[in-house]
Amino acid sequence: MKAISLATNNSVEFQHVPKPQKAEPGHLIIKMEACGINQGDKAFIGGTFPLGSIPVSLYNICGVSGAGTVIEIGSGVPEEYKGKNVTIYRSLKFSEKMVGTWCEYAHLHYLHCTILPDNVKMEDYSGSLVNIITPYAFLKQITEEGHKGIISTAGNSATGIAMLGICLAYNFPIISIVRTEVDKKELEELGAKNIVVQTDSDFKLYLKELSQKLETTAIFDGVGGEILNTIIEVIPFNSTIYSYGYLGGQTLLTIHTSILMKGITIKGFGNFRTKTVQSPQNLEKALKDISEIITMPHFKTKIGKKFKLEEINDALQFLSESGGKAVLYPFE
């Protein structure tokens, strides 16, 4: 079958590898429909993540996301997966038998997959699950830690929009930070009620008043120093900043030590380290919960341009001003 594999010198190559012949216990064989390319994929190919930090595929097949149809289930897999369309995030569980996802037929543990409704287009969820499981696991963690509200610094990112969807689904207060009035309008159309625009003259004052009112002491940060340098002095006392990305580039976080007197904590966040993902029982429940709300518009993959597997290098170079992803189609 056709596949995209990791090559030397932080590159990839198109090649043919053996097609999976049998679904092993706990696993699915999935005919792939579409595979969204996420920033994490590019970081992995570029050597950002150390070996062993992300589950490795047989034949070094790249990609962690996708959507496809289950054509065979192994023993121990719930019958409900049989013949269903699924959205995939292959980094949720390690497996020595893993094959996929940038290929024609993936072989994955069922705990990598959420079942899709029959009436949706698979390509609309070709890069979704990674963006959904992160805010889902985050909400579970911060609720347990006693937080009552969230500030999302990358409000218009795919993960920020998914966080908005999770908060709306579970009636949890959230403030979304966006860059422009256009971004604000987009979130308003998705049901957001509490939005602050960075370019507004009263941005910091409004954020301070709103965050105190809603007790948003959990900061879900995907930007990094660029925005944190601006808001750290106005976020509530005893807030915790959870860093999951750095869309703002390499801008350093610079704070005066007086800020520490406010009881502010800064730490990294990754869904791999959460109780949601580390516990098979919690993960199975999470995937079922997500399946029930996945048709919310917040969880669709924004498609920028479609590519064949043979066009992988062009796909990896693709950039969209609107945030659309490059999506691979194995059978085109």
Protein backbone atom coordinates (compact mmCIF):
# COMPACT_ATOMS: atom_id res chain seq x y z
CA MET A 1 0.00 0.00 0.00
CA LYS A 2 1.02 3.64 -0.39
CA ALA A 3 2.45 5.38 2.67
CA ILE A 4 4.48 8.37 3.84
CA SER A 5 7.38 7.36 6.07
CA LEU A 6 9.93 9.24 8.14
CA ALA A 7 13.28 9.39 6.36
CA THR A 8 16.72 10.60 7.40
CA ASN A 9 17.68 14.24 7.83
CA ASN A 10 14.28 15.29 9.17
CA SER A 11 12.44 14.52 5.95
CA VAL A 12 9.77 12.14 4.64
CA GLU A 13 9.48 9.82 1.68
CA PHE A 14 6.64 8.32 -0.35
CA GLN A 15 6.92 4.54 -0.55
CA HIS A 16 5.04 1.25 -0.62
CA VAL A 17 4.85 -0.86 2.55
CA PRO A 18 3.03 -4.11 3.48
CA LYS A 19 -0.70 -3.68 4.01
CA PRO A 20 -1.99 -4.88 7.42
CA GLN A 21 -3.58 -8.30 6.95
CA LYS A 22 -5.25 -8.99 10.30
CA ALA A 23 -6.66 -6.88 13.13
CA GLU A 24 -4.74 -7.78 16.27
CA PRO A 25 -6.49 -7.95 19.67
CA GLY A 26 -7.77 -4.53 20.67
CA HIS A 27 -7.01 -3.11 17.22
CA LEU A 28 -8.82 -1.94 14.10
CA ILE A 29 -7.93 -1.98 10.42
CA ILE A 30 -9.08 1.34 8.99
CA LYS A 31 -9.38 2.32 5.35
CA MET A 32 -8.14 5.89 5.48
CA GLU A 33 -10.25 8.62 3.90
CA ALA A 34 -8.35 11.80 4.79
CA CYS A 35 -5.45 12.85 7.04
CA GLY A 36 -5.08 16.39 8.33
CA ILE A 37 -1.53 17.70 8.77
CA ASN A 38 -1.12 19.35 12.17
CA GLN A 39 1.71 21.51 13.48
CA GLY A 40 2.68 18.61 15.73
CA ASP A 41 3.30 16.44 12.66
CA LYS A 42 5.70 19.03 11.25
CA ALA A 43 7.46 19.34 14.60
CA PHE A 44 7.89 15.57 14.83
CA ILE A 45 9.29 15.33 11.29
CA GLY A 46 11.61 18.23 12.09
CA GLY A 47 13.04 16.37 15.09
CA THR A 48 11.51 18.54 17.82
CA PHE A 49 10.24 15.58 19.85
CA PRO A 50 12.75 13.09 21.28
CA LEU A 51 12.53 9.45 20.21
CA GLY A 52 10.09 7.52 22.35
CA SER A 53 7.95 10.52 23.28
CA ILE A 54 5.39 9.76 20.56
CA PRO A 55 4.08 6.28 19.64
CA VAL A 56 6.04 4.94 16.66
CA SER A 57 4.40 3.25 13.67
CA LEU A 58 5.65 0.17 11.91
CA TYR A 59 7.57 1.21 8.78
CA ASN A 60 8.00 4.64 10.45
CA ILE A 61 4.75 5.88 8.90
CA CYS A 62 4.15 9.53 9.75
CA GLY A 63 1.03 11.36 10.86
CA VAL A 64 -1.09 11.22 13.99
CA SER A 65 -4.47 12.36 12.68
CA GLY A 66 -7.02 11.19 10.16
CA ALA A 67 -10.45 9.76 9.50
CA GLY A 68 -11.53 6.55 7.87
CA THR A 69 -13.77 3.49 7.89
CA VAL A 70 -13.24 0.48 10.15
CA ILE A 71 -13.13 -2.61 7.91
CA GLU A 72 -12.04 -5.15 10.53
CA ILE A 73 -11.96 -5.35 14.33
CA GLY A 74 -9.75 -7.52 16.52
CA SER A 75 -10.79 -9.49 19.56
CA GLY A 76 -11.67 -7.39 22.57
CA VAL A 77 -12.82 -4.42 20.50
CA PRO A 78 -16.37 -3.24 21.27
CA GLU A 79 -18.74 -4.35 18.49
CA GLU A 80 -19.95 -0.77 18.08
CA TYR A 81 -16.75 0.03 16.14
CA LYS A 82 -17.46 -2.52 13.41
CA GLY A 83 -18.03 -0.84 10.04
CA LYS A 84 -18.09 2.64 11.55
CA ASN A 85 -16.39 5.82 10.40
CA VAL A 86 -13.92 7.13 12.96
CA THR A 87 -11.73 10.15 13.64
CA ILE A 88 -8.22 9.29 14.81
CA TYR A 89 -5.48 10.59 17.08
CA ARG A 90 -2.85 7.89 17.16
CA SER A 91 -0.76 9.36 20.02
CA LEU A 92 -3.22 8.40 22.76
CA LYS A 93 -1.86 4.90 23.34
CA PHE A 94 1.40 3.06 22.63
CA SER A 95 1.15 -0.11 20.53
CA GLU A 96 3.83 -2.28 18.95
CA LYS A 97 1.37 -3.24 16.20
CA MET A 98 0.55 0.29 15.06
CA VAL A 99 0.41 1.14 11.35
CA GLY A 100 -0.66 4.57 10.22
CA THR A 101 -2.02 7.15 9.65
CA TRP A 102 -0.52 8.64 6.46
CA CYS A 103 -1.20 5.52 4.43
CA GLU A 104 -4.05 3.65 2.73
CA TYR A 105 -4.85 1.19 5.54
CA ALA A 106 -4.04 1.99 9.17
CA HIS A 107 -3.86 -0.53 12.02
CA LEU A 108 -4.58 1.17 15.33
CA HIS A 109 -5.82 0.45 18.83
CA TYR A 110 -9.49 1.33 19.19
CA LEU A 111 -8.59 3.78 21.97
CA HIS A 112 -7.06 5.96 19.25
CA CYS A 113 -10.49 6.49 17.71
CA THR A 114 -13.81 8.21 18.26
CA ILE A 115 -16.83 6.95 16.34
CA LEU A 116 -18.35 9.47 13.96
CA PRO A 117 -22.08 9.79 13.23
CA ASP A 118 -23.08 8.19 9.93
CA ASN A 119 -24.39 11.47 8.50
CA VAL A 120 -21.15 13.52 8.61
CA LYS A 121 -18.34 13.84 6.09
CA MET A 122 -15.20 12.10 7.31
CA GLU A 123 -12.87 14.71 5.87
CA ASP A 124 -14.46 17.29 8.19
CA TYR A 125 -12.87 15.39 11.09
CA SER A 126 -9.55 14.46 9.46
CA GLY A 127 -7.54 16.52 11.95
CA SER A 128 -10.03 17.01 14.77
CA LEU A 129 -9.46 14.55 17.59
CA VAL A 130 -6.09 15.95 18.65
CA ASN A 131 -7.74 19.36 19.05
CA ILE A 132 -10.68 17.95 21.03
CA ILE A 133 -8.99 15.59 23.47
CA THR A 134 -6.63 18.33 24.67
CA PRO A 135 -9.32 20.73 25.95
CA TYR A 136 -11.44 17.83 27.19
CA ALA A 137 -8.55 16.50 29.30
CA PHE A 138 -7.68 20.04 30.37
CA LEU A 139 -11.18 20.73 31.65
CA LYS A 140 -11.20 17.49 33.61
CA GLN A 141 -7.83 18.32 35.21
CA ILE A 142 -8.51 21.92 36.17
CA THR A 143 -11.95 21.10 37.56
CA GLU A 144 -10.31 18.54 39.83
CA GLU A 145 -7.73 21.16 40.83
CA GLY A 146 -10.48 23.55 41.89
CA HIS A 147 -10.54 26.11 39.09
CA LYS A 148 -13.88 27.63 38.12
CA GLY A 149 -13.13 29.31 34.80
CA ILE A 150 -10.68 29.48 31.88
CA ILE A 151 -8.85 32.18 29.94
CA SER A 152 -7.91 30.90 26.47
CA THR A 153 -5.06 32.98 25.01
CA ALA A 154 -5.27 31.54 21.49
CA GLY A 155 -9.01 31.93 21.18
CA ASN A 156 -9.16 31.58 17.39
CA SER A 157 -6.75 28.68 17.02
CA ALA A 158 -8.18 25.24 16.22
CA THR A 159 -7.53 24.14 19.80
CA GLY A 160 -8.90 27.41 21.18
CA ILE A 161 -12.12 26.98 19.22
CA ALA A 162 -12.35 23.37 20.40
CA MET A 163 -11.87 24.62 23.99
CA LEU A 164 -14.79 27.00 23.46
CA GLY A 165 -16.90 24.07 22.24
CA ILE A 166 -15.97 21.93 25.25
CA CYS A 167 -16.81 24.76 27.65
CA LEU A 168 -20.16 25.39 25.95
CA ALA A 169 -20.97 21.68 26.03
CA TYR A 170 -20.22 21.46 29.76
CA ASN A 171 -21.45 24.96 30.73
CA PHE A 172 -18.03 26.07 32.00
CA PRO A 173 -17.03 29.78 32.01
CA ILE A 174 -14.40 30.78 29.43
CA ILE A 175 -12.84 34.05 28.26
CA SER A 176 -11.39 33.91 24.74
CA ILE A 177 -8.60 36.29 23.76
CA VAL A 178 -8.46 37.19 20.05
CA ARG A 179 -6.40 39.59 17.96
CA THR A 180 -9.01 41.40 15.87
CA GLU A 181 -12.69 42.32 15.62
CA VAL A 182 -12.99 39.85 12.74
CA ASP A 183 -11.78 37.08 15.05
CA LYS A 184 -14.27 38.22 17.66
CA LYS A 185 -17.14 37.99 15.19
CA GLU A 186 -16.11 34.44 14.26
CA LEU A 187 -16.24 33.33 17.89
CA GLU A 188 -19.53 35.15 18.50
CA GLU A 189 -21.03 33.13 15.66
CA LEU A 190 -19.84 30.01 17.49
CA GLY A 191 -21.63 31.04 20.68
CA ALA A 192 -18.85 32.76 22.62
CA LYS A 193 -20.09 35.31 25.15
CA ASN A 194 -16.86 36.52 26.78
CA ILE A 195 -14.33 37.73 24.22
CA VAL A 196 -11.53 40.28 24.65
CA VAL A 197 -9.71 41.82 21.68
CA GLN A 198 -6.00 42.54 22.07
CA THR A 199 -6.11 45.66 19.91
CA ASP A 200 -8.79 47.36 22.00
CA SER A 201 -7.53 50.32 24.04
CA ASP A 202 -9.16 48.98 27.21
CA PHE A 203 -8.07 45.37 26.60
CA LYS A 204 -6.22 44.87 29.90
CA LEU A 205 -8.80 46.66 32.01
CA TYR A 206 -11.67 44.68 30.48
CA LEU A 207 -9.79 41.40 30.89
CA LYS A 208 -9.05 42.21 34.54
CA GLU A 209 -12.67 43.01 35.35
CA LEU A 210 -14.11 40.07 33.43
CA SER A 211 -11.62 37.51 34.76
CA GLN A 212 -12.28 38.57 38.36
CA LYS A 213 -16.03 38.38 37.82
CA LEU A 214 -15.88 34.89 36.27
CA GLU A 215 -13.03 33.62 38.50
CA THR A 216 -11.07 32.44 35.48
CA THR A 217 -7.93 31.28 37.28
CA ALA A 218 -6.94 28.60 34.72
CA ILE A 219 -5.02 30.12 31.79
CA PHE A 220 -5.02 27.82 28.74
CA ASP A 221 -2.03 29.25 26.87
CA GLY A 222 -1.06 28.32 23.33
CA VAL A 223 0.77 31.56 22.50
CA GLY A 224 3.64 31.93 24.96
CA GLY A 225 5.54 35.00 26.08
CA GLU A 226 3.98 37.37 23.56
CA ILE A 227 0.56 37.46 25.25
CA LEU A 228 1.56 36.36 28.74
CA ASN A 229 3.83 39.42 29.10
CA THR A 230 0.73 41.54 28.50
CA ILE A 231 -1.85 39.83 30.69
CA ILE A 232 0.09 38.35 33.60
CA GLU A 233 -0.28 41.47 35.75
CA VAL A 234 -4.09 41.54 35.39
CA ILE A 235 -5.09 37.89 35.69
CA PRO A 236 -6.67 36.89 39.03
CA PHE A 237 -4.69 36.06 42.17
CA ASN A 238 -3.78 32.37 42.51
CA SER A 239 -4.09 31.72 38.79
CA THR A 240 -2.27 28.87 37.08
CA ILE A 241 -0.86 29.28 33.58
CA TYR A 242 -0.88 25.99 31.65
CA SER A 243 1.36 26.24 28.59
CA TYR A 244 0.53 23.86 25.72
CA GLY A 245 2.12 25.71 22.77
CA TYR A 246 3.89 28.81 21.52
CA LEU A 247 2.08 30.22 18.49
CA GLY A 248 3.61 33.57 19.39
CA GLY A 249 7.05 32.33 18.35
CA GLN A 250 10.18 32.61 20.47
CA THR A 251 9.21 35.72 22.46
CA LEU A 252 10.52 35.26 26.00
CA LEU A 253 8.32 35.48 29.07
CA THR A 254 9.55 38.34 31.24
CA ILE A 255 7.99 39.00 34.62
CA HIS A 256 8.83 41.03 37.69
CA THR A 257 9.16 38.96 40.85
CA SER A 258 6.32 40.96 42.39
CA ILE A 259 4.00 38.95 40.16
CA LEU A 260 4.91 35.86 42.15
CA MET A 261 3.38 37.50 45.21
CA LYS A 262 0.00 37.03 43.50
CA GLY A 263 0.39 33.26 43.85
CA ILE A 264 0.65 32.68 40.11
CA THR A 265 1.92 29.28 38.99
CA ILE A 266 3.30 28.46 35.54
CA LYS A 267 3.57 24.90 34.23
CA GLY A 268 3.42 22.91 31.04
CA PHE A 269 0.36 21.00 29.88
CA GLY A 270 0.17 17.95 27.64
CA ASN A 271 -2.77 15.62 27.24
CA PHE A 272 -0.42 12.60 27.42
CA ARG A 273 0.27 13.37 31.10
CA THR A 274 -3.36 13.72 32.18
CA LYS A 275 -5.47 11.19 34.04
CA THR A 276 -7.85 11.25 31.08
CA VAL A 277 -5.28 9.79 28.68
CA GLN A 278 -3.17 7.73 31.06
CA SER A 279 -6.12 5.70 32.36
CA PRO A 280 -7.64 3.33 29.74
CA GLN A 281 -11.02 3.55 31.50
CA ASN A 282 -10.96 7.35 31.52
CA LEU A 283 -9.79 7.46 27.91
CA GLU A 284 -12.55 5.14 26.74
CA LYS A 285 -15.13 7.32 28.50
CA ALA A 286 -13.58 10.46 26.99
CA LEU A 287 -13.81 9.06 23.46
CA LYS A 288 -17.48 8.17 24.01
CA ASP A 289 -18.22 11.60 25.48
CA ILE A 290 -16.54 13.28 22.52
CA SER A 291 -18.52 11.13 20.08
CA GLU A 292 -21.74 12.53 21.56
CA ILE A 293 -20.79 16.19 20.98
CA ILE A 294 -18.50 15.98 17.96
CA THR A 295 -21.08 17.38 15.53
CA MET A 296 -20.73 20.80 17.21
CA PRO A 297 -19.20 23.18 14.62
CA HIS A 298 -16.26 23.87 16.96
CA PHE A 299 -14.78 20.45 16.26
CA LYS A 300 -14.65 20.41 12.45
CA THR A 301 -11.31 20.41 10.67
CA LYS A 302 -10.83 23.56 8.59
CA ILE A 303 -9.58 22.28 5.23
CA GLY A 304 -7.16 24.56 3.43
CA LYS A 305 -6.08 22.44 0.46
CA LYS A 306 -6.27 18.79 -0.59
CA PHE A 307 -3.20 16.74 -1.56
CA LYS A 308 -2.38 13.22 -2.74
CA LEU A 309 0.15 11.20 -0.72
CA GLU A 310 2.60 11.63 -3.59
CA GLU A 311 2.38 15.40 -3.04
CA ILE A 312 3.51 15.20 0.60
CA ASN A 313 6.35 17.71 0.30
CA ASP A 314 4.03 20.33 -1.18
CA ALA A 315 1.51 19.55 1.55
CA LEU A 316 4.08 20.09 4.28
CA GLN A 317 4.97 23.49 2.81
CA PHE A 318 1.35 24.62 2.55
CA LEU A 319 0.34 27.60 4.69
CA SER A 320 -3.12 29.14 4.93
CA GLU A 321 -3.82 32.64 6.19
CA SER A 322 -7.26 31.46 7.32
CA GLY A 323 -5.85 28.60 9.38
CA GLY A 324 -6.95 25.83 7.03
CA LYS A 325 -4.99 22.59 7.14
CA ALA A 326 -3.33 20.66 4.35
CA VAL A 327 -5.20 17.35 4.10
CA LEU A 328 -3.86 14.15 2.53
CA TYR A 329 -6.16 11.81 0.59
CA PRO A 330 -4.57 8.33 0.33
CA PHE A 331 -6.89 7.02 -2.41
CA GLU A 332 -6.75 10.01 -4.75
